[in-house]
Amino acid sequence: MDKATQTELEAAAFRALRDHLMVKRPEVQNIDLMNLAGFCRNCLSRWYQEAANARGIDMTKDEAREIFYGMPYETWKAANQTEADAAKQATFEVAFRENVGERGKS
């Protein structure tokens, strides 16, 4: 397989994952994704931002999130996210630290 085809397939897989999380399963909470898988929608948008920045494209966290979510993050969050209980929040702190780093430093 040539490199261009591989890139196209990887991009298609990313779009399918994004569609699954945003359209087919928006009720799945980011905190549950992070706690179970070590990443969430915000991680995917951060990876998008990091890829853009690595290629010399200036992109902020908020810009990347709006591209990934298809709307401002706060709008999506208000429509789809619920408050997590203390146990989920405690698990999240560990998962975030292990997979992303210290809070406020990402």
PDB file of N, CA and C in Angstrom:
ATOM      1  N   MET A   1       0.852  -1.173   0.000  1.00  0.00           N
ATOM      2  CA  MET A   1       0.000   0.000   0.000  1.00  0.00           C
ATOM      3  C   MET A   1       0.900   1.240   0.000  1.00  0.00           C
ATOM      4  N   ASP A   2       0.568   2.198  -0.833  1.00  0.00           N
ATOM      5  CA  ASP A   2       1.377   3.411  -0.879  1.00  0.00           C
ATOM      6  C   ASP A   2       1.006   4.332   0.285  1.00  0.00           C
ATOM      7  N   LYS A   3       1.895   5.268   0.599  1.00  0.00           N
ATOM      8  CA  LYS A   3       1.745   6.155   1.757  1.00  0.00           C
ATOM      9  C   LYS A   3       0.488   7.026   1.649  1.00  0.00           C
ATOM     10  N   ALA A   4       0.168   7.524   0.463  1.00  0.00           N
ATOM     11  CA  ALA A   4      -1.016   8.371   0.290  1.00  0.00           C
ATOM     12  C   ALA A   4      -2.297   7.585   0.587  1.00  0.00           C
ATOM     13  N   THR A   5      -2.370   6.354   0.112  1.00  0.00           N
ATOM     14  CA  THR A   5      -3.544   5.518   0.388  1.00  0.00           C
ATOM     15  C   THR A   5      -3.646   5.222   1.868  1.00  0.00           C
ATOM     16  N   GLN A   6      -2.520   4.927   2.501  1.00  0.00           N
ATOM     17  CA  GLN A   6      -2.522   4.677   3.944  1.00  0.00           C
ATOM     18  C   GLN A   6      -3.048   5.894   4.703  1.00  0.00           C
ATOM     19  N   THR A   7      -2.598   7.079   4.327  1.00  0.00           N
ATOM     20  CA  THR A   7      -3.045   8.315   4.972  1.00  0.00           C
ATOM     21  C   THR A   7      -4.546   8.515   4.762  1.00  0.00           C
ATOM     22  N   GLU A   8      -5.030   8.249   3.560  1.00  0.00           N
ATOM     23  CA  GLU A   8      -6.460   8.383   3.272  1.00  0.00           C
ATOM     24  C   GLU A   8      -7.284   7.421   4.130  1.00  0.00           C
ATOM     25  N   LEU A   9      -6.811   6.191   4.281  1.00  0.00           N
ATOM     26  CA  LEU A   9      -7.523   5.206   5.095  1.00  0.00           C
ATOM     27  C   LEU A   9      -7.513   5.596   6.572  1.00  0.00           C
ATOM     28  N   GLU A  10      -6.371   6.074   7.036  1.00  0.00           N
ATOM     29  CA  GLU A  10      -6.287   6.527   8.433  1.00  0.00           C
ATOM     30  C   GLU A  10      -7.220   7.707   8.673  1.00  0.00           C
ATOM     31  N   ALA A  11      -7.286   8.631   7.730  1.00  0.00           N
ATOM     32  CA  ALA A  11      -8.195   9.771   7.855  1.00  0.00           C
ATOM     33  C   ALA A  11      -9.651   9.308   7.852  1.00  0.00           C
ATOM     34  N   ALA A  12      -9.975   8.337   7.021  1.00  0.00           N
ATOM     35  CA  ALA A  12     -11.342   7.801   6.984  1.00  0.00           C
ATOM     36  C   ALA A  12     -11.690   7.130   8.311  1.00  0.00           C
ATOM     37  N   ALA A  13     -10.737   6.411   8.887  1.00  0.00           N
ATOM     38  CA  ALA A  13     -10.978   5.769  10.185  1.00  0.00           C
ATOM     39  C   ALA A  13     -11.195   6.821  11.272  1.00  0.00           C
ATOM     40  N   PHE A  14     -10.416   7.894  11.253  1.00  0.00           N
ATOM     41  CA  PHE A  14     -10.590   8.985  12.209  1.00  0.00           C
ATOM     42  C   PHE A  14     -11.975   9.612  12.064  1.00  0.00           C
ATOM     43  N   ARG A  15     -12.392   9.859  10.825  1.00  0.00           N
ATOM     44  CA  ARG A  15     -13.718  10.450  10.603  1.00  0.00           C
ATOM     45  C   ARG A  15     -14.824   9.516  11.091  1.00  0.00           C
ATOM     46  N   ALA A  16     -14.644   8.215  10.885  1.00  0.00           N
ATOM     47  CA  ALA A  16     -15.635   7.240  11.361  1.00  0.00           C
ATOM     48  C   ALA A  16     -15.696   7.235  12.891  1.00  0.00           C
ATOM     49  N   LEU A  17     -14.549   7.307  13.549  1.00  0.00           N
ATOM     50  CA  LEU A  17     -14.525   7.375  15.012  1.00  0.00           C
ATOM     51  C   LEU A  17     -15.199   8.639  15.500  1.00  0.00           C
ATOM     52  N   ARG A  18     -14.873   9.773  14.882  1.00  0.00           N
ATOM     53  CA  ARG A  18     -15.496  11.036  15.256  1.00  0.00           C
ATOM     54  C   ARG A  18     -17.016  10.965  15.069  1.00  0.00           C
ATOM     55  N   ASP A  19     -17.459  10.455  13.947  1.00  0.00           N
ATOM     56  CA  ASP A  19     -18.892  10.329  13.682  1.00  0.00           C
ATOM     57  C   ASP A  19     -19.553   9.414  14.715  1.00  0.00           C
ATOM     58  N   HIS A  20     -18.905   8.326  15.045  1.00  0.00           N
ATOM     59  CA  HIS A  20     -19.460   7.402  16.033  1.00  0.00           C
ATOM     60  C   HIS A  20     -19.637   8.096  17.376  1.00  0.00           C
ATOM     61  N   LEU A  21     -18.626   8.833  17.813  1.00  0.00           N
ATOM     62  CA  LEU A  21     -18.686   9.496  19.115  1.00  0.00           C
ATOM     63  C   LEU A  21     -19.610  10.707  19.131  1.00  0.00           C
ATOM     64  N   MET A  22     -19.686  11.419  18.018  1.00  0.00           N
ATOM     65  CA  MET A  22     -20.448  12.669  17.995  1.00  0.00           C
ATOM     66  C   MET A  22     -21.892  12.487  17.549  1.00  0.00           C
ATOM     67  N   VAL A  23     -22.141  11.564  16.640  1.00  0.00           N
ATOM     68  CA  VAL A  23     -23.477  11.412  16.059  1.00  0.00           C
ATOM     69  C   VAL A  23     -24.192  10.185  16.618  1.00  0.00           C
ATOM     70  N   LYS A  24     -23.520   9.060  16.587  1.00  0.00           N
ATOM     71  CA  LYS A  24     -24.169   7.813  16.991  1.00  0.00           C
ATOM     72  C   LYS A  24     -24.205   7.621  18.498  1.00  0.00           C
ATOM     73  N   ARG A  25     -23.208   8.142  19.225  1.00  0.00           N
ATOM     74  CA  ARG A  25     -23.136   7.923  20.672  1.00  0.00           C
ATOM     75  C   ARG A  25     -22.810   9.184  21.465  1.00  0.00           C
ATOM     76  N   PRO A  26     -23.509  10.294  21.220  1.00  0.00           N
ATOM     77  CA  PRO A  26     -23.192  11.520  21.956  1.00  0.00           C
ATOM     78  C   PRO A  26     -23.482  11.407  23.452  1.00  0.00           C
ATOM     79  N   GLU A  27     -24.305  10.430  23.834  1.00  0.00           N
ATOM     80  CA  GLU A  27     -24.641  10.271  25.252  1.00  0.00           C
ATOM     81  C   GLU A  27     -23.501   9.669  26.061  1.00  0.00           C
ATOM     82  N   VAL A  28     -22.524   9.077  25.382  1.00  0.00           N
ATOM     83  CA  VAL A  28     -21.369   8.530  26.094  1.00  0.00           C
ATOM     84  C   VAL A  28     -20.568   9.709  26.637  1.00  0.00           C
ATOM     85  N   GLN A  29     -20.364   9.717  27.921  1.00  0.00           N
ATOM     86  CA  GLN A  29     -19.716  10.827  28.583  1.00  0.00           C
ATOM     87  C   GLN A  29     -18.204  10.798  28.373  1.00  0.00           C
ATOM     88  N   ASN A  30     -17.612  11.981  28.194  1.00  0.00           N
ATOM     89  CA  ASN A  30     -16.163  12.074  28.055  1.00  0.00           C
ATOM     90  C   ASN A  30     -15.455  11.463  29.255  1.00  0.00           C
ATOM     91  N   ILE A  31     -15.990  11.675  30.444  1.00  0.00           N
ATOM     92  CA  ILE A  31     -15.342  11.153  31.647  1.00  0.00           C
ATOM     93  C   ILE A  31     -15.313   9.626  31.624  1.00  0.00           C
ATOM     94  N   ASP A  32     -16.376   9.009  31.099  1.00  0.00           N
ATOM     95  CA  ASP A  32     -16.403   7.550  31.009  1.00  0.00           C
ATOM     96  C   ASP A  32     -15.380   7.046  29.986  1.00  0.00           C
ATOM     97  N   LEU A  33     -15.266   7.750  28.863  1.00  0.00           N
ATOM     98  CA  LEU A  33     -14.254   7.390  27.871  1.00  0.00           C
ATOM     99  C   LEU A  33     -12.853   7.471  28.480  1.00  0.00           C
ATOM    100  N   MET A  34     -12.568   8.570  29.171  1.00  0.00           N
ATOM    101  CA  MET A  34     -11.245   8.740  29.768  1.00  0.00           C
ATOM    102  C   MET A  34     -10.993   7.684  30.832  1.00  0.00           C
ATOM    103  N   ASN A  35     -11.985   7.428  31.661  1.00  0.00           N
ATOM    104  CA  ASN A  35     -11.799   6.466  32.748  1.00  0.00           C
ATOM    105  C   ASN A  35     -11.597   5.047  32.233  1.00  0.00           C
ATOM    106  N   LEU A  36     -12.253   4.699  31.142  1.00  0.00           N
ATOM    107  CA  LEU A  36     -12.154   3.337  30.614  1.00  0.00           C
ATOM    108  C   LEU A  36     -11.049   3.167  29.571  1.00  0.00           C
ATOM    109  N   ALA A  37     -10.860   4.165  28.730  1.00  0.00           N
ATOM    110  CA  ALA A  37      -9.951   4.012  27.597  1.00  0.00           C
ATOM    111  C   ALA A  37      -8.693   4.874  27.672  1.00  0.00           C
ATOM    112  N   GLY A  38      -8.695   5.850  28.580  1.00  0.00           N
ATOM    113  CA  GLY A  38      -7.532   6.715  28.694  1.00  0.00           C
ATOM    114  C   GLY A  38      -7.501   7.848  27.687  1.00  0.00           C
ATOM    115  N   PHE A  39      -8.597   8.064  26.973  1.00  0.00           N
ATOM    116  CA  PHE A  39      -8.720   9.201  26.069  1.00  0.00           C
ATOM    117  C   PHE A  39     -10.199   9.536  25.921  1.00  0.00           C
ATOM    118  N   CYS A  40     -10.478  10.741  25.433  1.00  0.00           N
ATOM    119  CA  CYS A  40     -11.857  11.154  25.202  1.00  0.00           C
ATOM    120  C   CYS A  40     -11.902  12.067  23.980  1.00  0.00           C
ATOM    121  N   ARG A  41     -13.053  12.651  23.743  1.00  0.00           N
ATOM    122  CA  ARG A  41     -13.203  13.542  22.600  1.00  0.00           C
ATOM    123  C   ARG A  41     -12.234  14.717  22.689  1.00  0.00           C
ATOM    124  N   ASN A  42     -12.028  15.240  23.902  1.00  0.00           N
ATOM    125  CA  ASN A  42     -11.101  16.362  24.060  1.00  0.00           C
ATOM    126  C   ASN A  42      -9.677  15.949  23.703  1.00  0.00           C
ATOM    127  N   CYS A  43      -9.299  14.717  24.015  1.00  0.00           N
ATOM    128  CA  CYS A  43      -7.974  14.217  23.622  1.00  0.00           C
ATOM    129  C   CYS A  43      -7.863  14.192  22.102  1.00  0.00           C
ATOM    130  N   LEU A  44      -8.898  13.709  21.440  1.00  0.00           N
ATOM    131  CA  LEU A  44      -8.869  13.656  19.980  1.00  0.00           C
ATOM    132  C   LEU A  44      -8.718  15.057  19.392  1.00  0.00           C
ATOM    133  N   SER A  45      -9.423  16.027  19.966  1.00  0.00           N
ATOM    134  CA  SER A  45      -9.282  17.397  19.461  1.00  0.00           C
ATOM    135  C   SER A  45      -7.895  17.943  19.774  1.00  0.00           C
ATOM    136  N   ARG A  46      -7.314  17.574  20.915  1.00  0.00           N
ATOM    137  CA  ARG A  46      -5.956  18.010  21.264  1.00  0.00           C
ATOM    138  C   ARG A  46      -4.939  17.400  20.308  1.00  0.00           C
ATOM    139  N   TRP A  47      -5.102  16.127  19.975  1.00  0.00           N
ATOM    140  CA  TRP A  47      -4.197  15.481  19.021  1.00  0.00           C
ATOM    141  C   TRP A  47      -4.288  16.151  17.654  1.00  0.00           C
ATOM    142  N   TYR A  48      -5.490  16.566  17.277  1.00  0.00           N
ATOM    143  CA  TYR A  48      -5.694  17.297  16.021  1.00  0.00           C
ATOM    144  C   TYR A  48      -4.921  18.611  16.071  1.00  0.00           C
ATOM    145  N   GLN A  49      -5.062  19.328  17.187  1.00  0.00           N
ATOM    146  CA  GLN A  49      -4.346  20.590  17.367  1.00  0.00           C
ATOM    147  C   GLN A  49      -2.837  20.370  17.321  1.00  0.00           C
ATOM    148  N   GLU A  50      -2.360  19.367  18.016  1.00  0.00           N
ATOM    149  CA  GLU A  50      -0.928  19.081  18.037  1.00  0.00           C
ATOM    150  C   GLU A  50      -0.401  18.753  16.642  1.00  0.00           C
ATOM    151  N   ALA A  51      -1.184  18.015  15.861  1.00  0.00           N
ATOM    152  CA  ALA A  51      -0.778  17.693  14.493  1.00  0.00           C
ATOM    153  C   ALA A  51      -0.711  18.959  13.640  1.00  0.00           C
ATOM    154  N   ALA A  52      -1.695  19.846  13.812  1.00  0.00           N
ATOM    155  CA  ALA A  52      -1.683  21.111  13.073  1.00  0.00           C
ATOM    156  C   ALA A  52      -0.477  21.952  13.470  1.00  0.00           C
ATOM    157  N   ASN A  53      -0.258  22.095  14.772  1.00  0.00           N
ATOM    158  CA  ASN A  53       0.868  22.900  15.260  1.00  0.00           C
ATOM    159  C   ASN A  53       2.203  22.335  14.783  1.00  0.00           C
ATOM    160  N   ALA A  54       2.334  21.006  14.746  1.00  0.00           N
ATOM    161  CA  ALA A  54       3.570  20.370  14.287  1.00  0.00           C
ATOM    162  C   ALA A  54       3.848  20.668  12.817  1.00  0.00           C
ATOM    163  N   ARG A  55       2.802  21.000  12.088  1.00  0.00           N
ATOM    164  CA  ARG A  55       2.954  21.322  10.666  1.00  0.00           C
ATOM    165  C   ARG A  55       2.995  22.829  10.422  1.00  0.00           C
ATOM    166  N   GLY A  56       3.152  23.601  11.516  1.00  0.00           N
ATOM    167  CA  GLY A  56       3.255  25.047  11.386  1.00  0.00           C
ATOM    168  C   GLY A  56       1.929  25.763  11.249  1.00  0.00           C
ATOM    169  N   ILE A  57       0.825  25.066  11.518  1.00  0.00           N
ATOM    170  CA  ILE A  57      -0.504  25.680  11.451  1.00  0.00           C
ATOM    171  C   ILE A  57      -0.884  26.110  12.863  1.00  0.00           C
ATOM    172  N   ASP A  58      -1.046  27.407  13.061  1.00  0.00           N
ATOM    173  CA  ASP A  58      -1.441  27.911  14.371  1.00  0.00           C
ATOM    174  C   ASP A  58      -2.888  27.514  14.646  1.00  0.00           C
ATOM    175  N   MET A  59      -3.106  26.846  15.768  1.00  0.00           N
ATOM    176  CA  MET A  59      -4.448  26.427  16.142  1.00  0.00           C
ATOM    177  C   MET A  59      -4.499  26.363  17.663  1.00  0.00           C
ATOM    178  N   THR A  60      -5.510  26.997  18.233  1.00  0.00           N
ATOM    179  CA  THR A  60      -5.673  26.967  19.681  1.00  0.00           C
ATOM    180  C   THR A  60      -6.482  25.740  20.088  1.00  0.00           C
ATOM    181  N   LYS A  61      -6.487  25.467  21.381  1.00  0.00           N
ATOM    182  CA  LYS A  61      -7.290  24.369  21.914  1.00  0.00           C
ATOM    183  C   LYS A  61      -8.764  24.583  21.570  1.00  0.00           C
ATOM    184  N   ASP A  62      -9.250  25.808  21.746  1.00  0.00           N
ATOM    185  CA  ASP A  62     -10.658  26.082  21.454  1.00  0.00           C
ATOM    186  C   ASP A  62     -10.981  25.918  19.972  1.00  0.00           C
ATOM    187  N   GLU A  63     -10.074  26.338  19.103  1.00  0.00           N
ATOM    188  CA  GLU A  63     -10.285  26.168  17.661  1.00  0.00           C
ATOM    189  C   GLU A  63     -10.335  24.688  17.293  1.00  0.00           C
ATOM    190  N   ALA A  64      -9.424  23.905  17.853  1.00  0.00           N
ATOM    191  CA  ALA A  64      -9.419  22.468  17.566  1.00  0.00           C
ATOM    192  C   ALA A  64     -10.681  21.803  18.080  1.00  0.00           C
ATOM    193  N   ARG A  65     -11.108  22.189  19.268  1.00  0.00           N
ATOM    194  CA  ARG A  65     -12.340  21.607  19.801  1.00  0.00           C
ATOM    195  C   ARG A  65     -13.533  21.960  18.927  1.00  0.00           C
ATOM    196  N   GLU A  66     -13.617  23.195  18.456  1.00  0.00           N
ATOM    197  CA  GLU A  66     -14.745  23.576  17.605  1.00  0.00           C
ATOM    198  C   GLU A  66     -14.727  22.800  16.288  1.00  0.00           C
ATOM    199  N   ILE A  67     -13.547  22.541  15.739  1.00  0.00           N
ATOM    200  CA  ILE A  67     -13.460  21.722  14.535  1.00  0.00           C
ATOM    201  C   ILE A  67     -13.934  20.307  14.835  1.00  0.00           C
ATOM    202  N   PHE A  68     -13.450  19.720  15.930  1.00  0.00           N
ATOM    203  CA  PHE A  68     -13.811  18.341  16.257  1.00  0.00           C
ATOM    204  C   PHE A  68     -15.292  18.211  16.611  1.00  0.00           C
ATOM    205  N   TYR A  69     -15.781  19.091  17.473  1.00  0.00           N
ATOM    206  CA  TYR A  69     -17.168  19.003  17.934  1.00  0.00           C
ATOM    207  C   TYR A  69     -18.171  19.547  16.919  1.00  0.00           C
ATOM    208  N   GLY A  70     -17.713  20.338  15.965  1.00  0.00           N
ATOM    209  CA  GLY A  70     -18.612  20.920  14.973  1.00  0.00           C
ATOM    210  C   GLY A  70     -19.394  22.102  15.514  1.00  0.00           C
ATOM    211  N   MET A  71     -18.984  22.585  16.673  1.00  0.00           N
ATOM    212  CA  MET A  71     -19.626  23.719  17.350  1.00  0.00           C
ATOM    213  C   MET A  71     -18.729  24.096  18.519  1.00  0.00           C
ATOM    214  N   PRO A  72     -18.966  25.241  19.137  1.00  0.00           N
ATOM    215  CA  PRO A  72     -18.173  25.551  20.327  1.00  0.00           C
ATOM    216  C   PRO A  72     -18.330  24.437  21.373  1.00  0.00           C
ATOM    217  N   TYR A  73     -17.233  24.081  22.018  1.00  0.00           N
ATOM    218  CA  TYR A  73     -17.242  22.993  22.993  1.00  0.00           C
ATOM    219  C   TYR A  73     -18.283  23.216  24.081  1.00  0.00           C
ATOM    220  N   GLU A  74     -18.385  24.415  24.592  1.00  0.00           N
ATOM    221  CA  GLU A  74     -19.340  24.687  25.673  1.00  0.00           C
ATOM    222  C   GLU A  74     -20.782  24.422  25.230  1.00  0.00           C
ATOM    223  N   THR A  75     -21.095  24.672  23.970  1.00  0.00           N
ATOM    224  CA  THR A  75     -22.433  24.396  23.438  1.00  0.00           C
ATOM    225  C   THR A  75     -22.688  22.893  23.437  1.00  0.00           C
ATOM    226  N   TRP A  76     -21.719  22.133  22.928  1.00  0.00           N
ATOM    227  CA  TRP A  76     -21.868  20.676  22.904  1.00  0.00           C
ATOM    228  C   TRP A  76     -21.948  20.113  24.315  1.00  0.00           C
ATOM    229  N   LYS A  77     -21.094  20.609  25.185  1.00  0.00           N
ATOM    230  CA  LYS A  77     -21.059  20.134  26.564  1.00  0.00           C
ATOM    231  C   LYS A  77     -22.402  20.357  27.262  1.00  0.00           C
ATOM    232  N   ALA A  78     -22.969  21.531  27.076  1.00  0.00           N
ATOM    233  CA  ALA A  78     -24.256  21.843  27.706  1.00  0.00           C
ATOM    234  C   ALA A  78     -25.367  20.923  27.212  1.00  0.00           C
ATOM    235  N   ALA A  79     -25.289  20.520  25.960  1.00  0.00           N
ATOM    236  CA  ALA A  79     -26.330  19.674  25.379  1.00  0.00           C
ATOM    237  C   ALA A  79     -26.135  18.186  25.659  1.00  0.00           C
ATOM    238  N   ASN A  80     -24.898  17.754  25.942  1.00  0.00           N
ATOM    239  CA  ASN A  80     -24.622  16.319  25.973  1.00  0.00           C
ATOM    240  C   ASN A  80     -23.955  15.775  27.221  1.00  0.00           C
ATOM    241  N   GLN A  81     -23.319  16.601  27.998  1.00  0.00           N
ATOM    242  CA  GLN A  81     -22.584  16.095  29.159  1.00  0.00           C
ATOM    243  C   GLN A  81     -23.384  16.294  30.441  1.00  0.00           C
ATOM    244  N   THR A  82     -23.247  15.349  31.343  1.00  0.00           N
ATOM    245  CA  THR A  82     -23.911  15.441  32.641  1.00  0.00           C
ATOM    246  C   THR A  82     -22.840  15.516  33.728  1.00  0.00           C
ATOM    247  N   GLU A  83     -23.240  15.963  34.886  1.00  0.00           N
ATOM    248  CA  GLU A  83     -22.306  16.059  36.013  1.00  0.00           C
ATOM    249  C   GLU A  83     -21.931  14.669  36.485  1.00  0.00           C
ATOM    250  N   ALA A  84     -20.655  14.450  36.690  1.00  0.00           N
ATOM    251  CA  ALA A  84     -20.165  13.152  37.150  1.00  0.00           C
ATOM    252  C   ALA A  84     -20.148  13.118  38.673  1.00  0.00           C
ATOM    253  N   ASP A  85     -20.400  11.932  39.215  1.00  0.00           N
ATOM    254  CA  ASP A  85     -20.356  11.782  40.667  1.00  0.00           C
ATOM    255  C   ASP A  85     -18.904  11.796  41.156  1.00  0.00           C
ATOM    256  N   ALA A  86     -18.739  11.839  42.466  1.00  0.00           N
ATOM    257  CA  ALA A  86     -17.409  11.956  43.069  1.00  0.00           C
ATOM    258  C   ALA A  86     -16.503  10.782  42.715  1.00  0.00           C
ATOM    259  N   ALA A  87     -17.053   9.584  42.653  1.00  0.00           N
ATOM    260  CA  ALA A  87     -16.237   8.407  42.320  1.00  0.00           C
ATOM    261  C   ALA A  87     -15.691   8.501  40.903  1.00  0.00           C
ATOM    262  N   LYS A  88     -16.526   8.901  39.941  1.00  0.00           N
ATOM    263  CA  LYS A  88     -16.061   9.053  38.561  1.00  0.00           C
ATOM    264  C   LYS A  88     -15.018  10.159  38.457  1.00  0.00           C
ATOM    265  N   GLN A  89     -15.231  11.240  39.207  1.00  0.00           N
ATOM    266  CA  GLN A  89     -14.271  12.341  39.172  1.00  0.00           C
ATOM    267  C   GLN A  89     -12.918  11.921  39.739  1.00  0.00           C
ATOM    268  N   ALA A  90     -12.933  11.125  40.798  1.00  0.00           N
ATOM    269  CA  ALA A  90     -11.680  10.644  41.389  1.00  0.00           C
ATOM    270  C   ALA A  90     -10.951   9.714  40.420  1.00  0.00           C
ATOM    271  N   THR A  91     -11.693   8.829  39.778  1.00  0.00           N
ATOM    272  CA  THR A  91     -11.099   7.927  38.782  1.00  0.00           C
ATOM    273  C   THR A  91     -10.541   8.730  37.614  1.00  0.00           C
ATOM    274  N   PHE A  92     -11.270   9.771  37.223  1.00  0.00           N
ATOM    275  CA  PHE A  92     -10.824  10.629  36.128  1.00  0.00           C
ATOM    276  C   PHE A  92      -9.497  11.301  36.449  1.00  0.00           C
ATOM    277  N   GLU A  93      -9.333  11.788  37.668  1.00  0.00           N
ATOM    278  CA  GLU A  93      -8.084  12.460  38.039  1.00  0.00           C
ATOM    279  C   GLU A  93      -6.892  11.534  37.828  1.00  0.00           C
ATOM    280  N   VAL A  94      -7.052  10.281  38.199  1.00  0.00           N
ATOM    281  CA  VAL A  94      -5.976   9.301  38.007  1.00  0.00           C
ATOM    282  C   VAL A  94      -5.775   9.036  36.517  1.00  0.00           C
ATOM    283  N   ALA A  95      -6.859   8.783  35.783  1.00  0.00           N
ATOM    284  CA  ALA A  95      -6.761   8.489  34.347  1.00  0.00           C
ATOM    285  C   ALA A  95      -6.156   9.664  33.591  1.00  0.00           C
ATOM    286  N   PHE A  96      -6.549  10.871  33.935  1.00  0.00           N
ATOM    287  CA  PHE A  96      -6.018  12.056  33.262  1.00  0.00           C
ATOM    288  C   PHE A  96      -4.522  12.170  33.519  1.00  0.00           C
ATOM    289  N   ARG A  97      -4.117  12.050  34.764  1.00  0.00           N
ATOM    290  CA  ARG A  97      -2.705  12.157  35.134  1.00  0.00           C
ATOM    291  C   ARG A  97      -1.881  11.080  34.407  1.00  0.00           C
ATOM    292  N   GLU A  98      -2.385   9.870  34.349  1.00  0.00           N
ATOM    293  CA  GLU A  98      -1.654   8.762  33.714  1.00  0.00           C
ATOM    294  C   GLU A  98      -1.576   8.896  32.186  1.00  0.00           C
ATOM    295  N   ASN A  99      -2.614   9.459  31.578  1.00  0.00           N
ATOM    296  CA  ASN A  99      -2.694   9.477  30.123  1.00  0.00           C
ATOM    297  C   ASN A  99      -2.402  10.826  29.475  1.00  0.00           C
ATOM    298  N   VAL A 100      -2.600  11.901  30.225  1.00  0.00           N
ATOM    299  CA  VAL A 100      -2.415  13.234  29.653  1.00  0.00           C
ATOM    300  C   VAL A 100      -1.310  13.983  30.375  1.00  0.00           C
ATOM    301  N   GLY A 101      -1.323  13.949  31.679  1.00  0.00           N
ATOM    302  CA  GLY A 101      -0.351  14.678  32.487  1.00  0.00           C
ATOM    303  C   GLY A 101      -1.070  15.381  33.616  1.00  0.00           C
ATOM    304  N   GLU A 102      -0.371  16.260  34.261  1.00  0.00           N
ATOM    305  CA  GLU A 102      -0.979  17.005  35.366  1.00  0.00           C
ATOM    306  C   GLU A 102      -2.033  17.962  34.825  1.00  0.00           C
ATOM    307  N   ARG A 103      -3.134  18.090  35.553  1.00  0.00           N
ATOM    308  CA  ARG A 103      -4.205  19.010  35.154  1.00  0.00           C
ATOM    309  C   ARG A 103      -3.651  20.424  35.102  1.00  0.00           C
ATOM    310  N   GLY A 104      -4.099  21.162  34.095  1.00  0.00           N
ATOM    311  CA  GLY A 104      -3.658  22.534  33.920  1.00  0.00           C
ATOM    312  C   GLY A 104      -2.366  22.663  33.126  1.00  0.00           C
ATOM    313  N   LYS A 105      -1.733  21.531  32.836  1.00  0.00           N
ATOM    314  CA  LYS A 105      -0.477  21.561  32.076  1.00  0.00           C
ATOM    315  C   LYS A 105      -0.647  21.008  30.669  1.00  0.00           C
ATOM    316  N   SER A 106      -1.859  20.613  30.293  1.00  0.00           N
ATOM    317  CA  SER A 106      -2.058  20.033  28.966  1.00  0.00           C
ATOM    318  C   SER A 106      -2.566  21.060  27.977  1.00  0.00           C
TER     319      SER A 106
END
